[in-house]
Amino acid sequence: MEISARNALKGTVKNVSPGAVNTEVTLELPGGAQVVSIITKASADRLKLAAGKEVYAVIKASDVMIATE
């Protein structure tokens, strides 16, 4: 896979929760952190997402905010 996005996080699908239009996908990254993404149901079906499948969370954003308490 070649992609221009600078942040591609490899993980394992932990949960797929389909809705009428969108699907919530939870990935577990090495070390236990989780990333949750909302994608179209059509995309989730096309990618054949299921628990245990290795995938990438690709993040492309012009801004990344940092916050402190």
Protein backbone atom coordinates (compact mmCIF):
# COMPACT_ATOMS: atom_id res chain seq x y z
CA MET A 1 0.00 0.00 0.00
CA GLU A 2 1.36 3.41 -0.99
CA ILE A 3 -0.50 6.42 0.36
CA SER A 4 0.17 10.13 0.80
CA ALA A 5 -1.30 10.35 4.31
CA ARG A 6 1.38 10.66 6.97
CA ASN A 7 -0.41 8.71 9.67
CA ALA A 8 -1.28 5.08 8.97
CA LEU A 9 -1.79 3.05 12.15
CA LYS A 10 -1.83 -0.73 11.77
CA GLY A 11 -4.25 -2.50 14.05
CA THR A 12 -6.72 -5.31 14.45
CA VAL A 13 -10.48 -4.92 14.14
CA LYS A 14 -11.93 -5.43 17.60
CA ASN A 15 -15.58 -4.67 16.90
CA VAL A 16 -17.82 -3.86 13.93
CA SER A 17 -21.17 -2.31 14.77
CA PRO A 18 -23.30 -1.81 11.63
CA GLY A 19 -26.13 0.68 11.46
CA ALA A 20 -28.65 1.49 8.74
CA VAL A 21 -26.25 3.80 6.87
CA ASN A 22 -22.94 3.89 8.77
CA THR A 23 -20.80 1.33 10.57
CA GLU A 24 -18.71 1.97 13.69
CA VAL A 25 -15.37 0.15 13.54
CA THR A 26 -13.14 -0.20 16.60
CA LEU A 27 -9.47 -1.02 16.01
CA GLU A 28 -7.02 -2.14 18.65
CA LEU A 29 -3.47 -0.90 18.11
CA PRO A 30 -0.33 -2.60 19.41
CA GLY A 31 -0.07 -1.70 23.09
CA GLY A 32 -3.86 -1.75 23.58
CA ALA A 33 -4.90 1.75 22.49
CA GLN A 34 -8.09 1.87 20.45
CA VAL A 35 -9.17 3.94 17.45
CA VAL A 36 -12.86 4.24 16.56
CA SER A 37 -13.99 5.20 13.07
CA ILE A 38 -17.40 5.76 11.52
CA ILE A 39 -17.48 4.69 7.85
CA THR A 40 -20.28 3.99 5.42
CA LYS A 41 -21.93 0.59 5.66
CA ALA A 42 -21.12 0.08 1.96
CA SER A 43 -17.40 0.63 2.65
CA ALA A 44 -17.40 -1.74 5.61
CA ASP A 45 -19.09 -4.41 3.49
CA ARG A 46 -16.71 -3.86 0.55
CA LEU A 47 -13.68 -4.17 2.88
CA LYS A 48 -15.20 -7.29 4.49
CA LEU A 49 -14.44 -5.94 7.95
CA ALA A 50 -14.76 -8.41 10.80
CA ALA A 51 -13.25 -8.87 14.24
CA GLY A 52 -9.68 -10.14 14.03
CA LYS A 53 -8.89 -8.70 10.59
CA GLU A 54 -5.68 -6.65 10.34
CA VAL A 55 -6.28 -3.20 8.84
CA TYR A 56 -4.88 0.33 8.82
CA ALA A 57 -6.45 3.45 10.29
CA VAL A 58 -5.36 6.16 7.84
CA ILE A 59 -5.55 9.65 9.30
CA LYS A 60 -5.21 12.71 7.09
CA ALA A 61 -5.86 16.04 8.72
CA SER A 62 -4.65 19.55 8.20
CA ASP A 63 -4.82 20.22 11.96
CA VAL A 64 -3.95 18.10 14.96
CA MET A 65 -4.78 19.73 18.29
CA ILE A 66 -2.91 19.13 21.54
CA ALA A 67 -4.54 19.84 24.91
CA THR A 68 -3.54 19.75 28.56
CA GLU A 69 -5.54 19.83 31.79
